[in-house]
Amino acid sequence: MWKTTMILVITLLFMLPDYTFARQSETMMLTLDDATRIADAAQARAEQDNWTVVIAVVDEGGHLLLLRRLDGTQLGSVEIAIQKAKTAVYYKRPTKAFQDGVAAGNVGILNLPNVLPFEGGIPVMHNGKAIGAIGVSGVTAAQDGIIGQAGLDAL
């Protein structure tokens, strides 16, 4: 009986890593290749109209994966693009939603942590989960949004 129990326990222990790996592989994450595709498409859209912008792509934790500053873009747009991307991933919605809310008089939005309420930040969603985001800054908020959407559409 003891020998049978030990064999069963050892067999189960060998099966655990396989089960754990299977559970981890179900989680989708934004890769550097994904971030590069997003940035390439966003840059192509910006260059169509000779817009100079900064493009930031963050992962699900808001950590920077890729930053691209097109020639001639003002330095201030670097932090703005990153913050737009962080806002989008933290709140799982485009930053335009916050911009529209403030424009409608909901100034309480301005007190939310890590919110930059200007269009140009868009989350990358997978099965209802934000796995990353793109943030764009350098032209008007509406133009930043157009560029960001072009980047997202590349996935």
N, C-alpha and C. Protein backbone atom coordinates (compact mmCIF):
# COMPACT_ATOMS: atom_id res chain seq x y z
N MET A 1 0.82 -1.19 0.00
CA MET A 1 0.00 0.00 0.00
C MET A 1 0.87 1.26 0.00
N TRP A 2 1.89 1.29 0.85
CA TRP A 2 2.77 2.44 0.95
C TRP A 2 3.48 2.69 -0.39
N LYS A 3 3.91 1.62 -1.04
CA LYS A 3 4.62 1.72 -2.31
C LYS A 3 3.70 2.28 -3.40
N THR A 4 2.47 1.86 -3.43
CA THR A 4 1.49 2.35 -4.39
C THR A 4 1.22 3.83 -4.17
N THR A 5 1.10 4.24 -2.91
CA THR A 5 0.86 5.64 -2.58
C THR A 5 2.04 6.51 -3.03
N MET A 6 3.25 6.05 -2.79
CA MET A 6 4.44 6.81 -3.19
C MET A 6 4.52 6.95 -4.71
N ILE A 7 4.19 5.90 -5.42
CA ILE A 7 4.21 5.96 -6.88
C ILE A 7 3.19 6.97 -7.37
N LEU A 8 2.02 6.98 -6.77
CA LEU A 8 0.98 7.93 -7.13
C LEU A 8 1.41 9.37 -6.85
N VAL A 9 2.01 9.61 -5.69
CA VAL A 9 2.47 10.95 -5.32
C VAL A 9 3.56 11.42 -6.28
N ILE A 10 4.50 10.57 -6.57
CA ILE A 10 5.59 10.94 -7.48
C ILE A 10 5.05 11.22 -8.88
N THR A 11 4.12 10.41 -9.33
CA THR A 11 3.50 10.64 -10.64
C THR A 11 2.81 11.99 -10.68
N LEU A 12 2.07 12.31 -9.64
CA LEU A 12 1.38 13.61 -9.57
C LEU A 12 2.37 14.77 -9.55
N LEU A 13 3.47 14.62 -8.86
CA LEU A 13 4.48 15.68 -8.82
C LEU A 13 5.07 15.94 -10.20
N PHE A 14 5.27 14.89 -10.98
CA PHE A 14 5.79 15.07 -12.32
C PHE A 14 4.77 15.73 -13.24
N MET A 15 3.51 15.58 -12.94
CA MET A 15 2.46 16.17 -13.76
C MET A 15 2.25 17.65 -13.45
N LEU A 16 2.59 18.11 -12.26
CA LEU A 16 2.36 19.50 -11.87
C LEU A 16 3.03 20.52 -12.78
N PRO A 17 4.30 20.37 -13.13
CA PRO A 17 4.90 21.37 -14.01
C PRO A 17 4.18 21.49 -15.34
N ASP A 18 3.71 20.37 -15.89
CA ASP A 18 2.98 20.43 -17.15
C ASP A 18 1.69 21.21 -16.99
N TYR A 19 0.99 21.00 -15.90
CA TYR A 19 -0.25 21.73 -15.65
C TYR A 19 0.04 23.21 -15.47
N THR A 20 1.07 23.53 -14.72
CA THR A 20 1.43 24.93 -14.48
C THR A 20 1.80 25.61 -15.79
N PHE A 21 2.58 24.94 -16.63
CA PHE A 21 2.96 25.51 -17.91
C PHE A 21 1.73 25.75 -18.79
N ALA A 22 0.82 24.81 -18.80
CA ALA A 22 -0.39 24.96 -19.61
C ALA A 22 -1.20 26.17 -19.16
N ARG A 23 -1.29 26.40 -17.87
CA ARG A 23 -2.03 27.56 -17.36
C ARG A 23 -1.33 28.86 -17.74
N GLN A 24 -0.01 28.89 -17.69
CA GLN A 24 0.72 30.10 -18.02
C GLN A 24 0.62 30.42 -19.51
N SER A 25 0.60 29.41 -20.35
CA SER A 25 0.58 29.65 -21.78
C SER A 25 -0.76 30.22 -22.25
N GLU A 26 -1.79 30.15 -21.42
CA GLU A 26 -3.08 30.73 -21.78
C GLU A 26 -3.07 32.25 -21.68
N THR A 27 -2.10 32.82 -20.99
CA THR A 27 -2.02 34.25 -20.79
C THR A 27 -1.38 34.91 -22.00
N MET A 28 -2.10 35.84 -22.60
CA MET A 28 -1.59 36.57 -23.76
C MET A 28 -0.79 37.77 -23.27
N MET A 29 0.34 38.02 -23.88
CA MET A 29 1.12 39.19 -23.52
C MET A 29 1.60 39.90 -24.77
N LEU A 30 1.80 41.18 -24.65
CA LEU A 30 2.30 41.98 -25.74
C LEU A 30 3.81 41.78 -25.83
N THR A 31 4.29 41.41 -27.00
CA THR A 31 5.72 41.15 -27.19
C THR A 31 6.40 42.37 -27.82
N LEU A 32 7.71 42.34 -27.84
CA LEU A 32 8.45 43.41 -28.50
C LEU A 32 8.14 43.43 -29.99
N ASP A 33 7.94 42.26 -30.59
CA ASP A 33 7.55 42.21 -32.01
C ASP A 33 6.21 42.90 -32.22
N ASP A 34 5.25 42.65 -31.32
CA ASP A 34 3.94 43.31 -31.40
C ASP A 34 4.12 44.82 -31.29
N ALA A 35 4.91 45.24 -30.31
CA ALA A 35 5.13 46.68 -30.09
C ALA A 35 5.77 47.32 -31.32
N THR A 36 6.68 46.61 -31.95
CA THR A 36 7.34 47.13 -33.15
C THR A 36 6.35 47.26 -34.30
N ARG A 37 5.47 46.26 -34.47
CA ARG A 37 4.43 46.35 -35.52
C ARG A 37 3.51 47.53 -35.28
N ILE A 38 3.11 47.71 -34.02
CA ILE A 38 2.24 48.84 -33.66
C ILE A 38 2.94 50.16 -34.00
N ALA A 39 4.18 50.30 -33.56
CA ALA A 39 4.92 51.54 -33.78
C ALA A 39 5.18 51.79 -35.26
N ASP A 40 5.49 50.74 -36.01
CA ASP A 40 5.74 50.90 -37.45
C ASP A 40 4.50 51.43 -38.16
N ALA A 41 3.34 50.85 -37.84
CA ALA A 41 2.09 51.29 -38.47
C ALA A 41 1.73 52.71 -38.05
N ALA A 42 1.93 53.01 -36.78
CA ALA A 42 1.64 54.36 -36.29
C ALA A 42 2.57 55.38 -36.96
N GLN A 43 3.83 55.03 -37.07
CA GLN A 43 4.79 55.94 -37.71
C GLN A 43 4.43 56.15 -39.18
N ALA A 44 4.06 55.09 -39.87
CA ALA A 44 3.66 55.21 -41.28
C ALA A 44 2.48 56.16 -41.42
N ARG A 45 1.51 56.04 -40.51
CA ARG A 45 0.33 56.93 -40.57
C ARG A 45 0.73 58.37 -40.29
N ALA A 46 1.60 58.59 -39.33
CA ALA A 46 2.05 59.95 -39.01
C ALA A 46 2.79 60.56 -40.20
N GLU A 47 3.63 59.76 -40.83
CA GLU A 47 4.43 60.27 -41.94
C GLU A 47 3.59 60.57 -43.18
N GLN A 48 2.41 59.94 -43.29
CA GLN A 48 1.49 60.24 -44.39
C GLN A 48 1.16 61.73 -44.44
N ASP A 49 1.00 62.34 -43.27
CA ASP A 49 0.64 63.75 -43.18
C ASP A 49 1.78 64.62 -42.66
N ASN A 50 2.99 64.08 -42.67
CA ASN A 50 4.15 64.81 -42.17
C ASN A 50 3.98 65.28 -40.73
N TRP A 51 3.36 64.44 -39.91
CA TRP A 51 3.19 64.75 -38.49
C TRP A 51 4.38 64.20 -37.73
N THR A 52 4.95 65.01 -36.85
CA THR A 52 6.05 64.54 -36.02
C THR A 52 5.51 64.23 -34.63
N VAL A 53 5.70 63.01 -34.19
CA VAL A 53 5.12 62.55 -32.92
C VAL A 53 6.08 61.63 -32.18
N VAL A 54 5.72 61.38 -30.94
CA VAL A 54 6.35 60.34 -30.14
C VAL A 54 5.35 59.20 -30.01
N ILE A 55 5.81 57.98 -30.17
CA ILE A 55 4.97 56.79 -30.06
C ILE A 55 5.53 55.94 -28.92
N ALA A 56 4.67 55.65 -27.95
CA ALA A 56 5.08 54.82 -26.81
C ALA A 56 4.19 53.60 -26.75
N VAL A 57 4.77 52.44 -26.50
CA VAL A 57 4.01 51.20 -26.32
C VAL A 57 4.41 50.63 -24.97
N VAL A 58 3.40 50.34 -24.14
CA VAL A 58 3.64 49.79 -22.80
C VAL A 58 3.02 48.40 -22.69
N ASP A 59 3.50 47.63 -21.70
CA ASP A 59 2.93 46.30 -21.44
C ASP A 59 1.76 46.42 -20.47
N GLU A 60 1.26 45.28 -19.99
CA GLU A 60 0.07 45.26 -19.13
C GLU A 60 0.29 45.96 -17.79
N GLY A 61 1.51 46.14 -17.38
CA GLY A 61 1.81 46.84 -16.13
C GLY A 61 2.14 48.30 -16.32
N GLY A 62 2.07 48.77 -17.56
CA GLY A 62 2.41 50.16 -17.85
C GLY A 62 3.90 50.39 -18.02
N HIS A 63 4.66 49.31 -18.16
CA HIS A 63 6.11 49.42 -18.33
C HIS A 63 6.43 49.61 -19.82
N LEU A 64 7.31 50.52 -20.09
CA LEU A 64 7.65 50.87 -21.46
C LEU A 64 8.30 49.70 -22.20
N LEU A 65 7.71 49.34 -23.34
CA LEU A 65 8.29 48.31 -24.22
C LEU A 65 9.05 48.95 -25.37
N LEU A 66 8.51 50.07 -25.87
CA LEU A 66 9.11 50.70 -27.04
C LEU A 66 8.78 52.18 -27.03
N LEU A 67 9.75 52.98 -27.38
CA LEU A 67 9.54 54.43 -27.51
C LEU A 67 10.19 54.87 -28.81
N ARG A 68 9.43 55.60 -29.60
CA ARG A 68 9.96 56.10 -30.86
C ARG A 68 9.63 57.59 -30.97
N ARG A 69 10.66 58.41 -31.06
CA ARG A 69 10.48 59.86 -31.22
C ARG A 69 10.89 60.21 -32.63
N LEU A 70 9.92 60.61 -33.45
CA LEU A 70 10.21 60.96 -34.83
C LEU A 70 11.01 62.26 -34.87
N ASP A 71 11.84 62.40 -35.87
CA ASP A 71 12.69 63.59 -36.01
C ASP A 71 11.86 64.86 -35.93
N GLY A 72 12.34 65.80 -35.12
CA GLY A 72 11.70 67.10 -35.02
C GLY A 72 10.59 67.20 -34.00
N THR A 73 10.28 66.12 -33.31
CA THR A 73 9.21 66.16 -32.31
C THR A 73 9.72 66.80 -31.03
N GLN A 74 8.89 67.68 -30.44
CA GLN A 74 9.28 68.36 -29.20
C GLN A 74 9.51 67.35 -28.08
N LEU A 75 10.45 67.66 -27.21
CA LEU A 75 10.82 66.76 -26.11
C LEU A 75 9.67 66.50 -25.15
N GLY A 76 8.82 67.48 -24.93
CA GLY A 76 7.71 67.31 -23.99
C GLY A 76 6.78 66.18 -24.35
N SER A 77 6.73 65.83 -25.62
CA SER A 77 5.83 64.76 -26.07
C SER A 77 6.27 63.38 -25.61
N VAL A 78 7.52 63.24 -25.20
CA VAL A 78 8.00 61.93 -24.75
C VAL A 78 7.21 61.47 -23.53
N GLU A 79 7.20 62.28 -22.49
CA GLU A 79 6.49 61.90 -21.26
C GLU A 79 4.98 61.85 -21.47
N ILE A 80 4.47 62.73 -22.32
CA ILE A 80 3.03 62.74 -22.57
C ILE A 80 2.59 61.44 -23.25
N ALA A 81 3.34 60.99 -24.25
CA ALA A 81 3.00 59.74 -24.95
C ALA A 81 3.03 58.56 -23.98
N ILE A 82 4.05 58.51 -23.13
CA ILE A 82 4.14 57.42 -22.16
C ILE A 82 2.96 57.47 -21.20
N GLN A 83 2.61 58.65 -20.71
CA GLN A 83 1.51 58.76 -19.76
C GLN A 83 0.16 58.43 -20.40
N LYS A 84 -0.02 58.80 -21.67
CA LYS A 84 -1.25 58.42 -22.37
C LYS A 84 -1.37 56.90 -22.45
N ALA A 85 -0.27 56.23 -22.78
CA ALA A 85 -0.30 54.76 -22.86
C ALA A 85 -0.59 54.16 -21.49
N LYS A 86 0.03 54.69 -20.45
CA LYS A 86 -0.21 54.17 -19.09
C LYS A 86 -1.66 54.37 -18.68
N THR A 87 -2.22 55.53 -18.97
CA THR A 87 -3.62 55.79 -18.64
C THR A 87 -4.52 54.76 -19.31
N ALA A 88 -4.27 54.51 -20.59
CA ALA A 88 -5.10 53.57 -21.35
C ALA A 88 -5.03 52.16 -20.79
N VAL A 89 -3.84 51.70 -20.42
CA VAL A 89 -3.71 50.33 -19.91
C VAL A 89 -4.22 50.22 -18.48
N TYR A 90 -3.98 51.23 -17.65
CA TYR A 90 -4.44 51.18 -16.25
C TYR A 90 -5.96 51.15 -16.14
N TYR A 91 -6.62 51.89 -17.02
CA TYR A 91 -8.08 52.02 -16.93
C TYR A 91 -8.83 51.25 -18.01
N LYS A 92 -8.10 50.53 -18.87
CA LYS A 92 -8.71 49.68 -19.91
C LYS A 92 -9.68 50.44 -20.81
N ARG A 93 -9.31 51.66 -21.13
CA ARG A 93 -10.15 52.45 -22.04
C ARG A 93 -9.28 53.51 -22.73
N PRO A 94 -9.72 53.97 -23.89
CA PRO A 94 -8.97 55.03 -24.57
C PRO A 94 -8.98 56.32 -23.74
N THR A 95 -7.91 57.07 -23.85
CA THR A 95 -7.83 58.33 -23.11
C THR A 95 -8.87 59.34 -23.60
N LYS A 96 -9.38 59.14 -24.79
CA LYS A 96 -10.44 60.02 -25.30
C LYS A 96 -11.67 59.97 -24.40
N ALA A 97 -11.93 58.84 -23.77
CA ALA A 97 -13.07 58.74 -22.86
C ALA A 97 -12.92 59.72 -21.70
N PHE A 98 -11.70 59.88 -21.20
CA PHE A 98 -11.46 60.84 -20.13
C PHE A 98 -11.55 62.27 -20.64
N GLN A 99 -11.03 62.51 -21.84
CA GLN A 99 -11.12 63.83 -22.45
C GLN A 99 -12.58 64.24 -22.61
N ASP A 100 -13.40 63.32 -23.13
CA ASP A 100 -14.82 63.60 -23.32
C ASP A 100 -15.52 63.84 -21.99
N GLY A 101 -15.14 63.08 -20.97
CA GLY A 101 -15.74 63.26 -19.64
C GLY A 101 -15.44 64.62 -19.06
N VAL A 102 -14.21 65.07 -19.18
CA VAL A 102 -13.83 66.39 -18.67
C VAL A 102 -14.57 67.47 -19.47
N ALA A 103 -14.64 67.30 -20.79
CA ALA A 103 -15.34 68.28 -21.64
C ALA A 103 -16.82 68.38 -21.28
N ALA A 104 -17.39 67.27 -20.80
CA ALA A 104 -18.80 67.25 -20.40
C ALA A 104 -19.01 67.79 -18.99
N GLY A 105 -17.93 68.21 -18.34
CA GLY A 105 -18.06 68.80 -17.01
C GLY A 105 -17.70 67.89 -15.86
N ASN A 106 -17.30 66.67 -16.14
CA ASN A 106 -16.93 65.74 -15.07
C ASN A 106 -15.47 65.98 -14.67
N VAL A 107 -15.24 67.08 -13.96
CA VAL A 107 -13.87 67.45 -13.59
C VAL A 107 -13.29 66.54 -12.52
N GLY A 108 -14.10 65.72 -11.89
CA GLY A 108 -13.59 64.75 -10.92
C GLY A 108 -12.59 63.80 -11.54
N ILE A 109 -12.68 63.61 -12.85
CA ILE A 109 -11.73 62.76 -13.57
C ILE A 109 -10.30 63.24 -13.34
N LEU A 110 -10.14 64.54 -13.21
CA LEU A 110 -8.80 65.11 -13.05
C LEU A 110 -8.14 64.70 -11.74
N ASN A 111 -8.94 64.18 -10.80
CA ASN A 111 -8.39 63.73 -9.52
C ASN A 111 -8.03 62.25 -9.51
N LEU A 112 -8.34 61.53 -10.58
CA LEU A 112 -7.99 60.11 -10.65
C LEU A 112 -6.48 59.97 -10.80
N PRO A 113 -5.88 58.98 -10.14
CA PRO A 113 -4.43 58.80 -10.27
C PRO A 113 -4.04 58.30 -11.66
N ASN A 114 -2.93 58.80 -12.14
CA ASN A 114 -2.35 58.35 -13.41
C ASN A 114 -3.28 58.52 -14.60
N VAL A 115 -4.02 59.62 -14.64
CA VAL A 115 -4.91 59.89 -15.77
C VAL A 115 -4.43 61.13 -16.51
N LEU A 116 -4.21 60.98 -17.81
CA LEU A 116 -3.95 62.11 -18.68
C LEU A 116 -5.11 62.16 -19.67
N PRO A 117 -6.03 63.11 -19.49
CA PRO A 117 -7.28 63.10 -20.26
C PRO A 117 -7.19 63.77 -21.63
N PHE A 118 -6.30 63.27 -22.46
CA PHE A 118 -6.18 63.77 -23.83
C PHE A 118 -6.14 62.59 -24.78
N GLU A 119 -6.86 62.70 -25.88
CA GLU A 119 -6.90 61.62 -26.86
C GLU A 119 -5.49 61.26 -27.33
N GLY A 120 -5.29 59.98 -27.61
CA GLY A 120 -4.01 59.52 -28.11
C GLY A 120 -3.49 58.29 -27.39
N GLY A 121 -4.19 57.86 -26.34
CA GLY A 121 -3.83 56.63 -25.64
C GLY A 121 -4.91 55.58 -25.88
N ILE A 122 -4.51 54.40 -26.33
CA ILE A 122 -5.48 53.34 -26.66
C ILE A 122 -4.98 52.01 -26.11
N PRO A 123 -5.83 51.30 -25.34
CA PRO A 123 -5.39 50.01 -24.81
C PRO A 123 -5.39 48.92 -25.88
N VAL A 124 -4.52 47.95 -25.71
CA VAL A 124 -4.52 46.74 -26.54
C VAL A 124 -5.24 45.68 -25.70
N MET A 125 -6.42 45.26 -26.16
CA MET A 125 -7.27 44.35 -25.40
C MET A 125 -7.20 42.93 -25.98
N HIS A 126 -7.26 41.95 -25.08
CA HIS A 126 -7.32 40.54 -25.46
C HIS A 126 -8.22 39.83 -24.46
N ASN A 127 -9.35 39.30 -24.92
CA ASN A 127 -10.32 38.62 -24.05
C ASN A 127 -10.71 39.48 -22.85
N GLY A 128 -10.95 40.75 -23.08
CA GLY A 128 -11.40 41.64 -22.02
C GLY A 128 -10.31 42.13 -21.09
N LYS A 129 -9.07 41.76 -21.37
CA LYS A 129 -7.95 42.17 -20.51
C LYS A 129 -7.02 43.11 -21.28
N ALA A 130 -6.60 44.19 -20.63
CA ALA A 130 -5.64 45.10 -21.25
C ALA A 130 -4.25 44.48 -21.14
N ILE A 131 -3.67 44.15 -22.29
CA ILE A 131 -2.34 43.52 -22.29
C ILE A 131 -1.25 44.52 -22.68
N GLY A 132 -1.64 45.75 -22.88
CA GLY A 132 -0.70 46.80 -23.24
C GLY A 132 -1.46 47.99 -23.77
N ALA A 133 -0.72 48.98 -24.25
CA ALA A 133 -1.35 50.18 -24.81
C ALA A 133 -0.36 50.95 -25.65
N ILE A 134 -0.92 51.78 -26.52
CA ILE A 134 -0.12 52.71 -27.31
C ILE A 134 -0.47 54.12 -26.86
N GLY A 135 0.52 54.98 -26.82
CA GLY A 135 0.31 56.39 -26.53
C GLY A 135 1.03 57.21 -27.58
N VAL A 136 0.35 58.24 -28.08
CA VAL A 136 0.92 59.09 -29.12
C VAL A 136 0.78 60.54 -28.70
N SER A 137 1.82 61.34 -28.93
CA SER A 137 1.78 62.76 -28.63
C SER A 137 2.66 63.52 -29.61
N GLY A 138 2.20 64.72 -29.98
CA GLY A 138 3.02 65.56 -30.84
C GLY A 138 2.22 66.48 -31.74
N VAL A 139 1.01 66.08 -32.08
CA VAL A 139 0.15 66.93 -32.90
C VAL A 139 -1.12 67.20 -32.09
N THR A 140 -2.25 67.47 -32.71
CA THR A 140 -3.47 67.68 -31.93
C THR A 140 -3.90 66.37 -31.30
N ALA A 141 -4.73 66.46 -30.28
CA ALA A 141 -5.21 65.25 -29.61
C ALA A 141 -5.93 64.34 -30.60
N ALA A 142 -6.77 64.91 -31.47
CA ALA A 142 -7.50 64.10 -32.45
C ALA A 142 -6.54 63.41 -33.41
N GLN A 143 -5.51 64.12 -33.85
CA GLN A 143 -4.52 63.52 -34.75
C GLN A 143 -3.71 62.44 -34.04
N ASP A 144 -3.38 62.68 -32.76
CA ASP A 144 -2.70 61.64 -31.97
C ASP A 144 -3.56 60.37 -31.94
N GLY A 145 -4.87 60.55 -31.78
CA GLY A 145 -5.78 59.41 -31.73
C GLY A 145 -5.82 58.64 -33.05
N ILE A 146 -5.80 59.36 -34.15
CA ILE A 146 -5.80 58.73 -35.48
C ILE A 146 -4.54 57.87 -35.65
N ILE A 147 -3.42 58.42 -35.24
CA ILE A 147 -2.14 57.70 -35.36
C ILE A 147 -2.14 56.46 -34.46
N GLY A 148 -2.62 56.63 -33.23
CA GLY A 148 -2.68 55.51 -32.30
C GLY A 148 -3.56 54.39 -32.80
N GLN A 149 -4.71 54.75 -33.38
CA GLN A 149 -5.62 53.73 -33.91
C GLN A 149 -4.98 52.99 -35.08
N ALA A 150 -4.24 53.70 -35.91
CA ALA A 150 -3.54 53.04 -37.02
C ALA A 150 -2.54 52.02 -36.49
N GLY A 151 -1.87 52.37 -35.41
CA GLY A 151 -0.94 51.42 -34.79
C GLY A 151 -1.65 50.20 -34.25
N LEU A 152 -2.74 50.43 -33.55
CA LEU A 152 -3.51 49.32 -32.98
C LEU A 152 -4.06 48.41 -34.07
N ASP A 153 -4.50 49.01 -35.16
CA ASP A 153 -5.08 48.23 -36.27
C ASP A 153 -4.06 47.29 -36.92
N ALA A 154 -2.77 47.50 -36.67
CA ALA A 154 -1.74 46.64 -37.26
C ALA A 154 -1.67 45.27 -36.60
N LEU A 155 -2.26 45.13 -35.42
CA LEU A 155 -2.23 43.82 -34.74
C LEU A 155 -3.30 42.90 -35.27
